[in-house]
């Protein structure tokens, strides 16, 4: 099933460097969680109690290239595991910082 999910992705995912974390909040939660993988389209966030699919969340990722802020929608929610989120809004400068970090990781 994972291969089918990957086939639908517009942007490839990369494993996140060990220790990568993201601060995120929904309308009812505020947490800091580990990032499993990411790409220009979104992230997979490890959290034991993820919000439901369809929930919108705010993200703050501390990248080596600078802070990256984004709004995302939960695409997959797996209790006790985490959530796959899709970016739905990101300022141009945040996207540039994030893309720069991804380029260095994929090189």
N, C-alpha and C. Protein backbone atom coordinates (compact mmCIF):
# COMPACT_ATOMS: atom_id res chain seq x y z
N UNK A 1 0.82 -1.19 0.00
CA UNK A 1 0.00 0.00 0.00
C UNK A 1 0.87 1.26 0.00
N UNK A 2 1.99 1.24 0.68
CA UNK A 2 2.86 2.42 0.72
C UNK A 2 3.32 2.81 -0.68
N UNK A 3 3.62 1.83 -1.52
CA UNK A 3 4.06 2.14 -2.88
C UNK A 3 2.96 2.87 -3.64
N UNK A 4 1.71 2.46 -3.45
CA UNK A 4 0.60 3.15 -4.12
C UNK A 4 0.49 4.59 -3.63
N UNK A 5 0.66 4.81 -2.32
CA UNK A 5 0.59 6.16 -1.79
C UNK A 5 1.70 7.01 -2.39
N UNK A 6 2.91 6.46 -2.50
CA UNK A 6 4.04 7.19 -3.06
C UNK A 6 3.80 7.53 -4.53
N UNK A 7 3.12 6.65 -5.26
CA UNK A 7 2.87 6.88 -6.68
C UNK A 7 2.01 8.11 -6.90
N UNK A 8 1.19 8.48 -5.94
CA UNK A 8 0.30 9.63 -6.09
C UNK A 8 0.99 10.94 -5.75
N UNK A 9 2.16 10.88 -5.20
CA UNK A 9 2.86 12.10 -4.78
C UNK A 9 3.41 12.86 -5.98
N UNK A 10 3.26 14.16 -5.93
CA UNK A 10 3.80 15.02 -6.98
C UNK A 10 5.30 15.21 -6.76
N UNK A 11 5.71 15.34 -5.47
CA UNK A 11 7.10 15.58 -5.12
C UNK A 11 7.63 14.37 -4.34
N UNK A 12 8.86 13.95 -4.63
CA UNK A 12 9.42 12.81 -3.88
C UNK A 12 9.67 13.18 -2.42
N UNK A 13 9.66 12.18 -1.57
CA UNK A 13 9.94 12.38 -0.15
C UNK A 13 11.37 11.93 0.15
N UNK A 14 11.99 12.61 1.10
CA UNK A 14 13.32 12.27 1.59
C UNK A 14 13.22 11.93 3.06
N UNK A 15 14.06 11.02 3.55
CA UNK A 15 14.06 10.79 4.99
C UNK A 15 14.56 12.05 5.70
N UNK A 16 13.91 12.42 6.78
CA UNK A 16 14.33 13.59 7.55
C UNK A 16 15.59 13.25 8.33
N UNK A 17 16.52 14.19 8.44
CA UNK A 17 17.70 13.94 9.27
C UNK A 17 17.29 13.61 10.70
N UNK A 18 18.04 12.76 11.35
CA UNK A 18 17.75 12.37 12.72
C UNK A 18 17.64 13.62 13.60
N UNK A 19 16.61 13.66 14.42
CA UNK A 19 16.41 14.79 15.31
C UNK A 19 15.60 15.93 14.73
N UNK A 20 15.10 15.79 13.50
CA UNK A 20 14.28 16.85 12.90
C UNK A 20 12.92 16.88 13.60
N UNK A 21 12.55 18.06 14.07
CA UNK A 21 11.26 18.22 14.75
C UNK A 21 10.47 19.35 14.11
N UNK A 22 9.18 19.32 14.35
CA UNK A 22 8.28 20.35 13.86
C UNK A 22 7.32 20.74 14.98
N UNK A 23 7.11 22.03 15.15
CA UNK A 23 6.07 22.52 16.05
C UNK A 23 4.81 22.63 15.20
N UNK A 24 3.71 22.14 15.71
CA UNK A 24 2.46 22.21 14.96
C UNK A 24 1.29 22.45 15.90
N UNK A 25 0.26 23.05 15.31
CA UNK A 25 -0.94 23.27 16.10
C UNK A 25 -2.18 23.15 15.23
N UNK A 26 -3.21 22.59 15.84
CA UNK A 26 -4.54 22.56 15.25
C UNK A 26 -5.40 23.48 16.10
N UNK A 27 -6.68 23.45 15.91
CA UNK A 27 -7.55 24.31 16.72
C UNK A 27 -7.61 23.84 18.17
N UNK A 28 -7.23 22.58 18.44
CA UNK A 28 -7.34 22.04 19.80
C UNK A 28 -6.01 21.55 20.39
N UNK A 29 -4.94 21.49 19.61
CA UNK A 29 -3.68 20.95 20.10
C UNK A 29 -2.51 21.84 19.71
N UNK A 30 -1.47 21.78 20.54
CA UNK A 30 -0.19 22.45 20.27
C UNK A 30 0.91 21.50 20.69
N UNK A 31 1.69 21.01 19.74
CA UNK A 31 2.70 20.00 20.05
C UNK A 31 3.98 20.22 19.26
N UNK A 32 5.02 19.53 19.71
CA UNK A 32 6.27 19.41 18.96
C UNK A 32 6.48 17.92 18.73
N UNK A 33 6.72 17.55 17.48
CA UNK A 33 6.81 16.14 17.12
C UNK A 33 7.99 15.89 16.18
N UNK A 34 8.40 14.64 16.10
CA UNK A 34 9.47 14.23 15.19
C UNK A 34 8.94 14.15 13.76
N UNK A 35 9.81 14.49 12.81
CA UNK A 35 9.48 14.39 11.39
C UNK A 35 10.15 13.14 10.85
N UNK A 36 9.38 12.29 10.19
CA UNK A 36 9.89 11.04 9.63
C UNK A 36 10.47 11.25 8.23
N UNK A 37 9.70 11.93 7.38
CA UNK A 37 10.15 12.21 6.01
C UNK A 37 9.45 13.47 5.52
N UNK A 38 10.01 14.03 4.43
CA UNK A 38 9.42 15.25 3.89
C UNK A 38 9.79 15.45 2.44
N UNK A 39 9.06 16.34 1.81
CA UNK A 39 9.29 16.74 0.43
C UNK A 39 8.61 18.08 0.22
N UNK A 40 8.70 18.62 -0.97
CA UNK A 40 8.09 19.93 -1.24
C UNK A 40 6.57 19.91 -1.07
N UNK A 41 5.97 18.72 -1.12
CA UNK A 41 4.52 18.62 -1.00
C UNK A 41 4.01 18.45 0.42
N UNK A 42 4.87 17.98 1.35
CA UNK A 42 4.38 17.76 2.71
C UNK A 42 5.36 17.01 3.58
N UNK A 43 4.85 16.52 4.72
CA UNK A 43 5.66 15.85 5.74
C UNK A 43 4.92 14.64 6.29
N UNK A 44 5.68 13.73 6.91
CA UNK A 44 5.07 12.71 7.76
C UNK A 44 5.56 12.99 9.16
N UNK A 45 4.61 13.25 10.06
CA UNK A 45 4.90 13.65 11.44
C UNK A 45 4.54 12.50 12.37
N UNK A 46 5.50 12.13 13.22
CA UNK A 46 5.27 11.09 14.23
C UNK A 46 4.58 11.71 15.44
N UNK A 47 3.40 11.20 15.76
CA UNK A 47 2.67 11.67 16.94
C UNK A 47 1.65 10.60 17.33
N UNK A 48 1.52 10.28 18.62
CA UNK A 48 0.63 9.20 19.01
C UNK A 48 -0.86 9.51 18.86
N UNK A 49 -1.23 10.77 18.87
CA UNK A 49 -2.64 11.14 18.80
C UNK A 49 -2.85 12.21 17.73
N UNK A 50 -2.71 11.82 16.45
CA UNK A 50 -2.84 12.82 15.38
C UNK A 50 -4.28 13.29 15.18
N UNK A 51 -4.44 14.52 14.68
CA UNK A 51 -5.79 14.99 14.34
C UNK A 51 -6.37 14.15 13.20
N UNK A 52 -7.66 14.25 13.04
CA UNK A 52 -8.37 13.50 12.00
C UNK A 52 -7.99 13.98 10.60
N UNK A 53 -8.12 13.09 9.64
CA UNK A 53 -7.93 13.43 8.23
C UNK A 53 -8.84 14.61 7.89
N UNK A 54 -8.29 15.57 7.15
CA UNK A 54 -9.05 16.76 6.77
C UNK A 54 -8.83 17.95 7.67
N UNK A 55 -8.19 17.73 8.82
CA UNK A 55 -7.91 18.83 9.75
C UNK A 55 -6.81 19.73 9.19
N UNK A 56 -6.95 21.03 9.35
CA UNK A 56 -5.91 21.97 8.95
C UNK A 56 -5.03 22.28 10.15
N UNK A 57 -3.71 22.33 9.92
CA UNK A 57 -2.77 22.63 10.99
C UNK A 57 -1.76 23.68 10.53
N UNK A 58 -1.17 24.36 11.50
CA UNK A 58 -0.09 25.31 11.25
C UNK A 58 1.21 24.61 11.63
N UNK A 59 2.26 24.83 10.84
CA UNK A 59 3.56 24.19 11.07
C UNK A 59 4.66 25.22 11.22
N UNK A 60 5.64 24.91 12.05
CA UNK A 60 6.86 25.69 12.15
C UNK A 60 8.01 24.69 12.21
N UNK A 61 8.81 24.69 11.16
CA UNK A 61 9.94 23.77 11.02
C UNK A 61 11.23 24.57 11.13
N UNK A 62 12.10 24.16 12.03
CA UNK A 62 13.38 24.84 12.22
C UNK A 62 14.41 24.19 11.30
N UNK A 63 14.55 24.73 10.11
CA UNK A 63 15.48 24.19 9.11
C UNK A 63 16.83 24.89 9.22
N UNK A 64 17.92 24.25 8.80
CA UNK A 64 19.23 24.90 8.81
C UNK A 64 19.26 26.18 7.97
N UNK A 65 18.37 26.27 6.99
CA UNK A 65 18.30 27.44 6.12
C UNK A 65 17.41 28.54 6.69
N UNK A 66 16.79 28.29 7.86
CA UNK A 66 15.92 29.25 8.51
C UNK A 66 14.55 28.66 8.78
N UNK A 67 13.78 29.34 9.62
CA UNK A 67 12.43 28.86 9.96
C UNK A 67 11.56 28.75 8.73
N UNK A 68 10.74 27.70 8.70
CA UNK A 68 9.79 27.48 7.62
C UNK A 68 8.41 27.37 8.25
N UNK A 69 7.53 28.27 7.86
CA UNK A 69 6.14 28.26 8.35
C UNK A 69 5.23 27.85 7.20
N UNK A 70 4.21 27.07 7.54
CA UNK A 70 3.28 26.62 6.50
C UNK A 70 1.94 26.26 7.13
N UNK A 71 0.95 26.21 6.27
CA UNK A 71 -0.36 25.69 6.64
C UNK A 71 -0.48 24.37 5.89
N UNK A 72 -1.04 23.36 6.55
CA UNK A 72 -1.13 22.03 5.93
C UNK A 72 -2.46 21.38 6.27
N UNK A 73 -2.82 20.39 5.47
CA UNK A 73 -4.02 19.59 5.70
C UNK A 73 -3.59 18.16 5.98
N UNK A 74 -4.20 17.55 6.98
CA UNK A 74 -3.91 16.16 7.30
C UNK A 74 -4.52 15.28 6.21
N UNK A 75 -3.66 14.51 5.53
CA UNK A 75 -4.10 13.61 4.45
C UNK A 75 -4.33 12.19 4.95
N UNK A 76 -3.50 11.77 5.89
CA UNK A 76 -3.59 10.43 6.49
C UNK A 76 -3.35 10.58 7.98
N UNK A 77 -4.18 9.93 8.77
CA UNK A 77 -4.04 9.97 10.23
C UNK A 77 -4.05 8.54 10.74
N UNK A 78 -2.97 8.17 11.43
CA UNK A 78 -2.87 6.81 11.95
C UNK A 78 -2.61 6.88 13.46
N UNK A 79 -3.62 6.59 14.29
CA UNK A 79 -3.43 6.63 15.74
C UNK A 79 -2.24 5.78 16.17
N UNK A 80 -1.52 6.27 17.15
CA UNK A 80 -0.31 5.64 17.70
C UNK A 80 0.87 5.68 16.74
N UNK A 81 0.72 6.26 15.55
CA UNK A 81 1.81 6.34 14.57
C UNK A 81 2.11 7.77 14.17
N UNK A 82 1.16 8.42 13.53
CA UNK A 82 1.41 9.77 13.06
C UNK A 82 0.46 10.20 11.97
N UNK A 83 0.90 11.22 11.23
CA UNK A 83 0.04 11.78 10.19
C UNK A 83 0.87 12.25 8.99
N UNK A 84 0.31 12.04 7.83
CA UNK A 84 0.86 12.60 6.61
C UNK A 84 0.12 13.89 6.32
N UNK A 85 0.87 14.98 6.13
CA UNK A 85 0.24 16.26 5.87
C UNK A 85 0.69 16.83 4.53
N UNK A 86 -0.21 17.53 3.89
CA UNK A 86 0.05 18.17 2.60
C UNK A 86 0.07 19.67 2.79
N UNK A 87 1.12 20.33 2.29
CA UNK A 87 1.17 21.78 2.38
C UNK A 87 0.05 22.38 1.54
N UNK A 88 -0.67 23.34 2.12
CA UNK A 88 -1.72 24.03 1.36
C UNK A 88 -1.42 25.52 1.22
N UNK A 89 -0.54 26.06 2.07
CA UNK A 89 -0.15 27.46 1.95
C UNK A 89 1.23 27.64 2.59
N UNK A 90 2.09 28.38 1.85
CA UNK A 90 3.43 28.66 2.34
C UNK A 90 3.91 29.93 1.65
N UNK A 91 4.43 30.86 2.42
CA UNK A 91 4.97 32.08 1.82
C UNK A 91 6.16 31.74 0.92
N UNK A 92 6.39 32.56 -0.07
CA UNK A 92 7.45 32.31 -1.04
C UNK A 92 8.82 32.16 -0.37
N UNK A 93 9.14 33.01 0.60
CA UNK A 93 10.45 32.93 1.25
C UNK A 93 10.58 31.65 2.09
N UNK A 94 9.48 31.18 2.69
CA UNK A 94 9.52 29.92 3.44
C UNK A 94 9.75 28.75 2.49
N UNK A 95 9.05 28.78 1.37
CA UNK A 95 9.22 27.71 0.37
C UNK A 95 10.65 27.69 -0.17
N UNK A 96 11.24 28.86 -0.38
CA UNK A 96 12.62 28.94 -0.86
C UNK A 96 13.59 28.35 0.17
N UNK A 97 13.40 28.66 1.46
CA UNK A 97 14.26 28.10 2.50
C UNK A 97 14.12 26.58 2.57
N UNK A 98 12.87 26.11 2.51
CA UNK A 98 12.62 24.67 2.58
C UNK A 98 13.21 23.96 1.37
N UNK A 99 12.99 24.50 0.19
CA UNK A 99 13.54 23.90 -1.04
C UNK A 99 15.06 23.88 -1.00
N UNK A 100 15.68 24.93 -0.47
CA UNK A 100 17.13 24.96 -0.35
C UNK A 100 17.65 23.86 0.54
N UNK A 101 16.96 23.62 1.66
CA UNK A 101 17.35 22.55 2.57
C UNK A 101 17.20 21.19 1.89
N UNK A 102 16.11 20.98 1.19
CA UNK A 102 15.89 19.71 0.49
C UNK A 102 16.98 19.47 -0.56
N UNK A 103 17.37 20.53 -1.27
CA UNK A 103 18.45 20.40 -2.26
C UNK A 103 19.74 19.92 -1.62
N UNK A 104 20.10 20.49 -0.47
CA UNK A 104 21.34 20.07 0.18
C UNK A 104 21.26 18.64 0.67
N UNK A 105 20.07 18.20 1.12
CA UNK A 105 19.91 16.84 1.59
C UNK A 105 19.94 15.81 0.46
N UNK A 106 19.45 16.19 -0.71
CA UNK A 106 19.41 15.25 -1.81
C UNK A 106 20.71 15.20 -2.62
N UNK A 107 21.61 16.15 -2.35
CA UNK A 107 22.88 16.19 -3.10
C UNK A 107 23.84 15.10 -2.62
